[in-house]
Amino acid sequence: SCKDTDVVIITTGSQGEPMSALSRMATGFHKQVNI
């Protein structure tokens, strides 16, 4: 509901953990955030 330029997301997954939020974003399996 927000413009892309109005958002900063702080998340987990900086170590490549398979089920982390960032990993799911990178593979397209995150429910809300599509890269």
Full PDB file with SEQRES, HELIX, SHEET, SSBOND, CRYST1, ORIGX, SCALE, CONECT and MASTER records, all heavy atoms in Angstrom:
SEQRES   1 A   35  SER CYS LYS ASP THR ASP VAL VAL ILE ILE THR THR GLY          
SEQRES   2 A   35  SER GLN GLY GLU PRO MET SER ALA LEU SER ARG MET ALA          
SEQRES   3 A   35  THR GLY PHE HIS LYS GLN VAL ASN ILE                          
HELIX    1 AA1 ASP A    4  ASP A    6  5                                   3    
HELIX    2 AA2 ALA A   21  THR A   27  1                                   7    
CRYST1    1.000    1.000    1.000  90.00  90.00  90.00 P 1           1          
ORIGX1      1.000000  0.000000  0.000000        0.00000                         
ORIGX2      0.000000  1.000000  0.000000        0.00000                         
ORIGX3      0.000000  0.000000  1.000000        0.00000                         
SCALE1      1.000000  0.000000  0.000000        0.00000                         
SCALE2      0.000000  1.000000  0.000000        0.00000                         
SCALE3      0.000000  0.000000  1.000000        0.00000                         
ATOM      1  N   SER A   1       0.825  -1.215   0.000  1.00  0.00           N  
ATOM      2  CA  SER A   1       0.000   0.000   0.000  1.00  0.00           C  
ATOM      3  C   SER A   1       0.858   1.263   0.000  1.00  0.00           C  
ATOM      4  O   SER A   1       0.336   2.365  -0.103  1.00  0.00           O  
ATOM      5  CB  SER A   1      -0.927   0.009   1.228  1.00  0.00           C  
ATOM      6  OG  SER A   1      -0.169   0.081   2.427  1.00  0.00           O  
ATOM      7  N   CYS A   2       2.190   1.086   0.137  1.00  0.00           N  
ATOM      8  CA  CYS A   2       3.111   2.234   0.158  1.00  0.00           C  
ATOM      9  C   CYS A   2       3.910   2.295  -1.136  1.00  0.00           C  
ATOM     10  O   CYS A   2       4.139   1.282  -1.791  1.00  0.00           O  
ATOM     11  CB  CYS A   2       4.087   2.110   1.321  1.00  0.00           C  
ATOM     12  SG  CYS A   2       3.378   2.522   2.910  1.00  0.00           S  
ATOM     13  N   LYS A   3       4.360   3.489  -1.465  1.00  0.00           N  
ATOM     14  CA  LYS A   3       5.283   3.634  -2.587  1.00  0.00           C  
ATOM     15  C   LYS A   3       6.592   2.948  -2.234  1.00  0.00           C  
ATOM     16  O   LYS A   3       7.005   2.948  -1.078  1.00  0.00           O  
ATOM     17  CB  LYS A   3       5.552   5.119  -2.829  1.00  0.00           C  
ATOM     18  CG  LYS A   3       4.435   5.836  -3.489  1.00  0.00           C  
ATOM     19  CD  LYS A   3       5.047   7.083  -4.100  1.00  0.00           C  
ATOM     20  CE  LYS A   3       4.277   8.300  -3.783  1.00  0.00           C  
ATOM     21  NZ  LYS A   3       4.906   9.514  -4.241  1.00  0.00           N  
ATOM     22  N   ASP A   4       7.262   2.406  -3.241  1.00  0.00           N  
ATOM     23  CA  ASP A   4       8.535   1.713  -3.001  1.00  0.00           C  
ATOM     24  C   ASP A   4       9.572   2.636  -2.373  1.00  0.00           C  
ATOM     25  O   ASP A   4      10.393   2.213  -1.556  1.00  0.00           O  
ATOM     26  CB  ASP A   4       9.086   1.148  -4.317  1.00  0.00           C  
ATOM     27  CG  ASP A   4       8.251  -0.028  -4.821  1.00  0.00           C  
ATOM     28  OD1 ASP A   4       7.406  -0.518  -4.042  1.00  0.00           O  
ATOM     29  OD2 ASP A   4       8.452  -0.446  -5.971  1.00  0.00           O  
ATOM     30  N   THR A   5       9.520   3.923  -2.748  1.00  0.00           N  
ATOM     31  CA  THR A   5      10.506   4.888  -2.239  1.00  0.00           C  
ATOM     32  C   THR A   5      10.210   5.323  -0.810  1.00  0.00           C  
ATOM     33  O   THR A   5      10.939   6.129  -0.248  1.00  0.00           O  
ATOM     34  CB  THR A   5      10.554   6.131  -3.147  1.00  0.00           C  
ATOM     35  OG1 THR A   5       9.218   6.618  -3.325  1.00  0.00           O  
ATOM     36  CG2 THR A   5      11.159   5.784  -4.497  1.00  0.00           C  
ATOM     37  N   ASP A   6       9.141   4.783  -0.216  1.00  0.00           N  
ATOM     38  CA  ASP A   6       8.769   5.163   1.154  1.00  0.00           C  
ATOM     39  C   ASP A   6       9.054   4.042   2.163  1.00  0.00           C  
ATOM     40  O   ASP A   6       8.600   4.123   3.302  1.00  0.00           O  
ATOM     41  CB  ASP A   6       7.274   5.512   1.224  1.00  0.00           C  
ATOM     42  CG  ASP A   6       6.956   6.807   0.494  1.00  0.00           C  
ATOM     43  OD1 ASP A   6       7.904   7.570   0.226  1.00  0.00           O  
ATOM     44  OD2 ASP A   6       5.778   7.037   0.177  1.00  0.00           O  
ATOM     45  N   VAL A   7       9.779   3.004   1.741  1.00  0.00           N  
ATOM     46  CA  VAL A   7       9.912   1.826   2.590  1.00  0.00           C  
ATOM     47  C   VAL A   7      11.373   1.411   2.778  1.00  0.00           C  
ATOM     48  O   VAL A   7      12.151   1.405   1.823  1.00  0.00           O  
ATOM     49  CB  VAL A   7       9.118   0.635   1.991  1.00  0.00           C  
ATOM     50  CG1 VAL A   7       9.348  -0.630   2.811  1.00  0.00           C  
ATOM     51  CG2 VAL A   7       7.637   0.953   1.927  1.00  0.00           C  
ATOM     52  N   VAL A   8      11.708   1.051   4.024  1.00  0.00           N  
ATOM     53  CA  VAL A   8      12.956   0.345   4.340  1.00  0.00           C  
ATOM     54  C   VAL A   8      12.569  -0.916   5.110  1.00  0.00           C  
ATOM     55  O   VAL A   8      11.845  -0.838   6.102  1.00  0.00           O  
ATOM     56  CB  VAL A   8      13.921   1.200   5.185  1.00  0.00           C  
ATOM     57  CG1 VAL A   8      15.116   0.357   5.645  1.00  0.00           C  
ATOM     58  CG2 VAL A   8      14.411   2.405   4.390  1.00  0.00           C  
ATOM     59  N   ILE A   9      13.040  -2.071   4.645  1.00  0.00           N  
ATOM     60  CA  ILE A   9      12.752  -3.347   5.300  1.00  0.00           C  
ATOM     61  C   ILE A   9      14.000  -3.817   6.040  1.00  0.00           C  
ATOM     62  O   ILE A   9      15.081  -3.903   5.453  1.00  0.00           O  
ATOM     63  CB  ILE A   9      12.329  -4.423   4.274  1.00  0.00           C  
ATOM     64  CG1 ILE A   9      11.103  -3.957   3.482  1.00  0.00           C  
ATOM     65  CG2 ILE A   9      12.044  -5.753   4.971  1.00  0.00           C  
ATOM     66  CD1 ILE A   9      10.756  -4.851   2.305  1.00  0.00           C  
ATOM     67  N   ILE A  10      13.862  -4.102   7.311  1.00  0.00           N  
ATOM     68  CA  ILE A  10      14.957  -4.674   8.105  1.00  0.00           C  
ATOM     69  C   ILE A  10      14.613  -6.135   8.352  1.00  0.00           C  
ATOM     70  O   ILE A  10      13.550  -6.443   8.911  1.00  0.00           O  
ATOM     71  CB  ILE A  10      15.153  -3.923   9.433  1.00  0.00           C  
ATOM     72  CG1 ILE A  10      15.450  -2.445   9.158  1.00  0.00           C  
ATOM     73  CG2 ILE A  10      16.287  -4.544  10.249  1.00  0.00           C  
ATOM     74  CD1 ILE A  10      15.588  -1.602  10.424  1.00  0.00           C  
ATOM     75  N   THR A  11      15.499  -7.029   7.936  1.00  0.00           N  
ATOM     76  CA  THR A  11      15.146  -8.436   7.929  1.00  0.00           C  
ATOM     77  C   THR A  11      16.313  -9.333   8.332  1.00  0.00           C  
ATOM     78  O   THR A  11      17.423  -8.865   8.586  1.00  0.00           O  
ATOM     79  CB  THR A  11      14.622  -8.839   6.527  1.00  0.00           C  
ATOM     80  OG1 THR A  11      14.098 -10.149   6.579  1.00  0.00           O  
ATOM     81  CG2 THR A  11      15.735  -8.775   5.499  1.00  0.00           C  
ATOM     82  N   THR A  12      16.035 -10.626   8.370  1.00  0.00           N  
ATOM     83  CA  THR A  12      17.052 -11.624   8.700  1.00  0.00           C  
ATOM     84  C   THR A  12      17.498 -12.344   7.425  1.00  0.00           C  
ATOM     85  O   THR A  12      16.858 -12.223   6.385  1.00  0.00           O  
ATOM     86  CB  THR A  12      16.482 -12.668   9.672  1.00  0.00           C  
ATOM     87  OG1 THR A  12      15.291 -13.238   9.085  1.00  0.00           O  
ATOM     88  CG2 THR A  12      16.126 -12.046  10.993  1.00  0.00           C  
ATOM     89  N   GLY A  13      18.581 -13.098   7.528  1.00  0.00           N  
ATOM     90  CA  GLY A  13      19.022 -13.909   6.396  1.00  0.00           C  
ATOM     91  C   GLY A  13      20.338 -13.494   5.796  1.00  0.00           C  
ATOM     92  O   GLY A  13      20.689 -13.937   4.700  1.00  0.00           O  
ATOM     93  N   SER A  14      21.104 -12.689   6.510  1.00  0.00           N  
ATOM     94  CA  SER A  14      22.378 -12.219   5.961  1.00  0.00           C  
ATOM     95  C   SER A  14      23.396 -13.334   5.802  1.00  0.00           C  
ATOM     96  O   SER A  14      24.407 -13.169   5.120  1.00  0.00           O  
ATOM     97  CB  SER A  14      22.962 -11.122   6.864  1.00  0.00           C  
ATOM     98  OG  SER A  14      23.240 -11.632   8.160  1.00  0.00           O  
ATOM     99  N   GLN A  15      23.145 -14.502   6.444  1.00  0.00           N  
ATOM    100  CA  GLN A  15      24.065 -15.642   6.338  1.00  0.00           C  
ATOM    101  C   GLN A  15      23.562 -16.712   5.378  1.00  0.00           C  
ATOM    102  O   GLN A  15      24.101 -17.811   5.339  1.00  0.00           O  
ATOM    103  CB  GLN A  15      24.301 -16.244   7.728  1.00  0.00           C  
ATOM    104  CG  GLN A  15      24.957 -15.302   8.704  1.00  0.00           C  
ATOM    105  CD  GLN A  15      26.288 -14.774   8.188  1.00  0.00           C  
ATOM    106  OE1 GLN A  15      27.187 -15.535   7.879  1.00  0.00           O  
ATOM    107  NE2 GLN A  15      26.405 -13.452   8.100  1.00  0.00           N  
ATOM    108  N   GLY A  16      22.521 -16.384   4.622  1.00  0.00           N  
ATOM    109  CA  GLY A  16      22.021 -17.333   3.630  1.00  0.00           C  
ATOM    110  C   GLY A  16      21.204 -18.466   4.218  1.00  0.00           C  
ATOM    111  O   GLY A  16      21.041 -19.510   3.589  1.00  0.00           O  
ATOM    112  N   GLU A  17      20.672 -18.296   5.447  1.00  0.00           N  
ATOM    113  CA  GLU A  17      19.883 -19.348   6.085  1.00  0.00           C  
ATOM    114  C   GLU A  17      18.702 -19.718   5.166  1.00  0.00           C  
ATOM    115  O   GLU A  17      17.967 -18.843   4.720  1.00  0.00           O  
ATOM    116  CB  GLU A  17      19.358 -18.884   7.438  1.00  0.00           C  
ATOM    117  CG  GLU A  17      20.452 -18.489   8.426  1.00  0.00           C  
ATOM    118  CD  GLU A  17      20.744 -16.992   8.406  1.00  0.00           C  
ATOM    119  OE1 GLU A  17      20.686 -16.389   7.304  1.00  0.00           O  
ATOM    120  OE2 GLU A  17      21.027 -16.437   9.476  1.00  0.00           O  
ATOM    121  N   PRO A  18      18.486 -21.016   4.919  1.00  0.00           N  
ATOM    122  CA  PRO A  18      17.503 -21.443   3.907  1.00  0.00           C  
ATOM    123  C   PRO A  18      16.093 -20.931   4.136  1.00  0.00           C  
ATOM    124  O   PRO A  18      15.395 -20.610   3.186  1.00  0.00           O  
ATOM    125  CB  PRO A  18      17.554 -22.973   3.991  1.00  0.00           C  
ATOM    126  CG  PRO A  18      18.885 -23.293   4.563  1.00  0.00           C  
ATOM    127  CD  PRO A  18      19.222 -22.158   5.494  1.00  0.00           C  
ATOM    128  N   MET A  19      15.632 -20.871   5.410  1.00  0.00           N  
ATOM    129  CA  MET A  19      14.247 -20.491   5.673  1.00  0.00           C  
ATOM    130  C   MET A  19      14.115 -19.051   6.153  1.00  0.00           C  
ATOM    131  O   MET A  19      13.048 -18.641   6.607  1.00  0.00           O  
ATOM    132  CB  MET A  19      13.645 -21.442   6.716  1.00  0.00           C  
ATOM    133  CG  MET A  19      13.526 -22.878   6.246  1.00  0.00           C  
ATOM    134  SD  MET A  19      12.625 -23.021   4.687  1.00  0.00           S  
ATOM    135  CE  MET A  19      10.999 -22.448   5.186  1.00  0.00           C  
ATOM    136  N   SER A  20      15.173 -18.265   6.071  1.00  0.00           N  
ATOM    137  CA  SER A  20      15.118 -16.879   6.524  1.00  0.00           C  
ATOM    138  C   SER A  20      14.261 -16.041   5.581  1.00  0.00           C  
ATOM    139  O   SER A  20      13.974 -16.433   4.439  1.00  0.00           O  
ATOM    140  CB  SER A  20      16.529 -16.292   6.591  1.00  0.00           C  
ATOM    141  OG  SER A  20      17.079 -16.226   5.285  1.00  0.00           O  
ATOM    142  N   ALA A  21      13.868 -14.873   6.059  1.00  0.00           N  
ATOM    143  CA  ALA A  21      13.014 -13.992   5.250  1.00  0.00           C  
ATOM    144  C   ALA A  21      13.705 -13.593   3.952  1.00  0.00           C  
ATOM    145  O   ALA A  21      13.095 -13.616   2.874  1.00  0.00           O  
ATOM    146  CB  ALA A  21      12.635 -12.760   6.060  1.00  0.00           C  
ATOM    147  N   LEU A  22      14.993 -13.237   4.029  1.00  0.00           N  
ATOM    148  CA  LEU A  22      15.701 -12.801   2.816  1.00  0.00           C  
ATOM    149  C   LEU A  22      15.826 -13.940   1.812  1.00  0.00           C  
ATOM    150  O   LEU A  22      15.687 -13.729   0.602  1.00  0.00           O  
ATOM    151  CB  LEU A  22      17.091 -12.273   3.177  1.00  0.00           C  
ATOM    152  CG  LEU A  22      17.888 -11.705   1.993  1.00  0.00           C  
ATOM    153  CD1 LEU A  22      17.187 -10.480   1.414  1.00  0.00           C  
ATOM    154  CD2 LEU A  22      19.315 -11.349   2.397  1.00  0.00           C  
ATOM    155  N   SER A  23      16.069 -15.140   2.295  1.00  0.00           N  
ATOM    156  CA  SER A  23      16.173 -16.295   1.399  1.00  0.00           C  
ATOM    157  C   SER A  23      14.860 -16.523   0.666  1.00  0.00           C  
ATOM    158  O   SER A  23      14.842 -16.804  -0.546  1.00  0.00           O  
ATOM    159  CB  SER A  23      16.570 -17.535   2.199  1.00  0.00           C  
ATOM    160  OG  SER A  23      16.659 -18.660   1.358  1.00  0.00           O  
ATOM    161  N   ARG A  24      13.750 -16.394   1.384  1.00  0.00           N  
ATOM    162  CA  ARG A  24      12.448 -16.574   0.746  1.00  0.00           C  
ATOM    163  C   ARG A  24      12.161 -15.462  -0.264  1.00  0.00           C  
ATOM    164  O   ARG A  24      11.534 -15.688  -1.298  1.00  0.00           O  
ATOM    165  CB  ARG A  24      11.351 -16.646   1.818  1.00  0.00           C  
ATOM    166  CG  ARG A  24      11.356 -17.979   2.558  1.00  0.00           C  
ATOM    167  CD  ARG A  24      10.259 -18.096   3.586  1.00  0.00           C  
ATOM    168  NE  ARG A  24      10.590 -17.386   4.814  1.00  0.00           N  
ATOM    169  CZ  ARG A  24       9.883 -16.412   5.341  1.00  0.00           C  
ATOM    170  NH1 ARG A  24       8.773 -16.002   4.735  1.00  0.00           N  
ATOM    171  NH2 ARG A  24      10.252 -15.831   6.462  1.00  0.00           N  
ATOM    172  N   MET A  25      12.621 -14.244   0.053  1.00  0.00           N  
ATOM    173  CA  MET A  25      12.482 -13.149  -0.918  1.00  0.00           C  
ATOM    174  C   MET A  25      13.282 -13.448  -2.183  1.00  0.00           C  
ATOM    175  O   MET A  25      12.816 -13.251  -3.307  1.00  0.00           O  
ATOM    176  CB  MET A  25      12.988 -11.836  -0.310  1.00  0.00           C  
ATOM    177  CG  MET A  25      12.166 -11.281   0.836  1.00  0.00           C  
ATOM    178  SD  MET A  25      12.939  -9.770   1.486  1.00  0.00           S  
ATOM    179  CE  MET A  25      12.143  -9.644   3.100  1.00  0.00           C  
ATOM    180  N   ALA A  26      14.528 -13.941  -1.998  1.00  0.00           N  
ATOM    181  CA  ALA A  26      15.422 -14.174  -3.131  1.00  0.00           C  
ATOM    182  C   ALA A  26      14.927 -15.292  -4.033  1.00  0.00           C  
ATOM    183  O   ALA A  26      15.193 -15.294  -5.240  1.00  0.00           O  
ATOM    184  CB  ALA A  26      16.829 -14.484  -2.623  1.00  0.00           C  
ATOM    185  N   THR A  27      14.204 -16.260  -3.468  1.00  0.00           N  
ATOM    186  CA  THR A  27      13.715 -17.398  -4.255  1.00  0.00           C  
ATOM    187  C   THR A  27      12.265 -17.233  -4.695  1.00  0.00           C  
ATOM    188  O   THR A  27      11.712 -18.116  -5.362  1.00  0.00           O  
ATOM    189  CB  THR A  27      13.848 -18.703  -3.446  1.00  0.00           C  
ATOM    190  OG1 THR A  27      13.214 -18.553  -2.173  1.00  0.00           O  
ATOM    191  CG2 THR A  27      15.313 -19.061  -3.238  1.00  0.00           C  
ATOM    192  N   GLY A  28      11.627 -16.121  -4.297  1.00  0.00           N  
ATOM    193  CA  GLY A  28      10.259 -15.855  -4.727  1.00  0.00           C  
ATOM    194  C   GLY A  28       9.189 -16.527  -3.907  1.00  0.00           C  
ATOM    195  O   GLY A  28       8.033 -16.594  -4.334  1.00  0.00           O  
ATOM    196  N   PHE A  29       9.551 -17.021  -2.702  1.00  0.00           N  
ATOM    197  CA  PHE A  29       8.575 -17.726  -1.867  1.00  0.00           C  
ATOM    198  C   PHE A  29       8.078 -16.884  -0.692  1.00  0.00           C  
ATOM    199  O   PHE A  29       7.371 -17.400   0.168  1.00  0.00           O  
ATOM    200  CB  PHE A  29       9.175 -19.036  -1.344  1.00  0.00           C  
ATOM    201  CG  PHE A  29       9.333 -20.077  -2.405  1.00  0.00           C  
ATOM    202  CD1 PHE A  29      10.581 -20.383  -2.917  1.00  0.00           C  
ATOM    203  CD2 PHE A  29       8.232 -20.740  -2.919  1.00  0.00           C  
ATOM    204  CE1 PHE A  29      10.727 -21.336  -3.907  1.00  0.00           C  
ATOM    205  CE2 PHE A  29       8.370 -21.699  -3.915  1.00  0.00           C  
ATOM    206  CZ  PHE A  29       9.623 -21.988  -4.414  1.00  0.00           C  
ATOM    207  N   HIS A  30       8.444 -15.622  -0.637  1.00  0.00           N  
ATOM    208  CA  HIS A  30       7.965 -14.752   0.440  1.00  0.00           C  
ATOM    209  C   HIS A  30       6.540 -14.298   0.111  1.00  0.00           C  
ATOM    210  O   HIS A  30       6.254 -13.883  -1.020  1.00  0.00           O  
ATOM    211  CB  HIS A  30       8.889 -13.544   0.607  1.00  0.00           C  
ATOM    212  CG  HIS A  30       8.706 -12.824   1.906  1.00  0.00           C  
ATOM    213  ND1 HIS A  30       7.619 -12.020   2.156  1.00  0.00           N  
ATOM    214  CD2 HIS A  30       9.470 -12.794   3.022  1.00  0.00           C  
ATOM    215  CE1 HIS A  30       7.728 -11.512   3.385  1.00  0.00           C  
ATOM    216  NE2 HIS A  30       8.846 -11.978   3.928  1.00  0.00           N  
ATOM    217  N   LYS A  31       5.652 -14.373   1.085  1.00  0.00           N  
ATOM    218  CA  LYS A  31       4.242 -14.086   0.820  1.00  0.00           C  
ATOM    219  C   LYS A  31       3.988 -12.623   0.485  1.00  0.00           C  
ATOM    220  O   LYS A  31       3.108 -12.306  -0.326  1.00  0.00           O  
ATOM    221  CB  LYS A  31       3.388 -14.487   2.028  1.00  0.00           C  
ATOM    222  CG  LYS A  31       3.296 -15.991   2.244  1.00  0.00           C  
ATOM    223  CD  LYS A  31       2.398 -16.310   3.428  1.00  0.00           C  
ATOM    224  CE  LYS A  31       2.286 -17.818   3.640  1.00  0.00           C  
ATOM    225  NZ  LYS A  31       1.434 -18.151   4.805  1.00  0.00           N  
ATOM    226  N   GLN A  32       4.721 -11.707   1.124  1.00  0.00           N  
ATOM    227  CA  GLN A  32       4.418 -10.287   0.951  1.00  0.00           C  
ATOM    228  C   GLN A  32       5.444  -9.520   0.106  1.00  0.00           C  
ATOM    229  O   GLN A  32       5.104  -8.513  -0.512  1.00  0.00           O  
ATOM    230  CB  GLN A  32       4.322  -9.582   2.319  1.00  0.00           C  
ATOM    231  CG  GLN A  32       3.109  -9.965   3.142  1.00  0.00           C  
ATOM    232  CD  GLN A  32       3.324 -11.204   3.971  1.00  0.00           C  
ATOM    233  OE1 GLN A  32       4.456 -11.583   4.261  1.00  0.00           O  
ATOM    234  NE2 GLN A  32       2.248 -11.867   4.367  1.00  0.00           N  
ATOM    235  N   VAL A  33       6.705  -9.966   0.110  1.00  0.00           N  
ATOM    236  CA  VAL A  33       7.764  -9.183  -0.537  1.00  0.00           C  
ATOM    237  C   VAL A  33       8.317  -9.942  -1.736  1.00  0.00           C  
ATOM    238  O   VAL A  33       8.943 -10.992  -1.584  1.00  0.00           O  
ATOM    239  CB  VAL A  33       8.913  -8.867   0.454  1.00  0.00           C  
ATOM    240  CG1 VAL A  33       9.954  -7.984  -0.233  1.00  0.00           C  
ATOM    241  CG2 VAL A  33       8.371  -8.182   1.707  1.00  0.00           C  
ATOM    242  N   ASN A  34       8.072  -9.396  -2.926  1.00  0.00           N  
ATOM    243  CA  ASN A  34       8.649  -9.939  -4.151  1.00  0.00           C  
ATOM    244  C   ASN A  34       9.744  -8.999  -4.635  1.00  0.00           C  
ATOM    245  O   ASN A  34       9.498  -7.823  -4.918  1.00  0.00           O  
ATOM    246  CB  ASN A  34       7.572 -10.086  -5.241  1.00  0.00           C  
ATOM    247  CG  ASN A  34       6.567 -11.156  -4.897  1.00  0.00           C  
ATOM    248  OD1 ASN A  34       6.936 -12.262  -4.530  1.00  0.00           O  
ATOM    249  ND2 ASN A  34       5.285 -10.826  -5.007  1.00  0.00           N  
ATOM    250  N   ILE A  35      10.964  -9.509  -4.695  1.00  0.00           N  
ATOM    251  CA  ILE A  35      12.085  -8.684  -5.152  1.00  0.00           C  
ATOM    252  C   ILE A  35      11.868  -8.303  -6.611  1.00  0.00           C  
ATOM    253  O   ILE A  35      11.467  -9.133  -7.438  1.00  0.00           O  
ATOM    254  CB  ILE A  35      13.419  -9.451  -4.994  1.00  0.00           C  
ATOM    255  CG1 ILE A  35      13.663  -9.812  -3.533  1.00  0.00           C  
ATOM    256  CG2 ILE A  35      14.576  -8.631  -5.536  1.00  0.00           C  
ATOM    257  CD1 ILE A  35      13.849  -8.637  -2.615  1.00  0.00           C  
TER     258      ILE A  35                                                      
MASTER        0    0    0    2    0    0    0    6  257    1    0    3          
END                                                                             
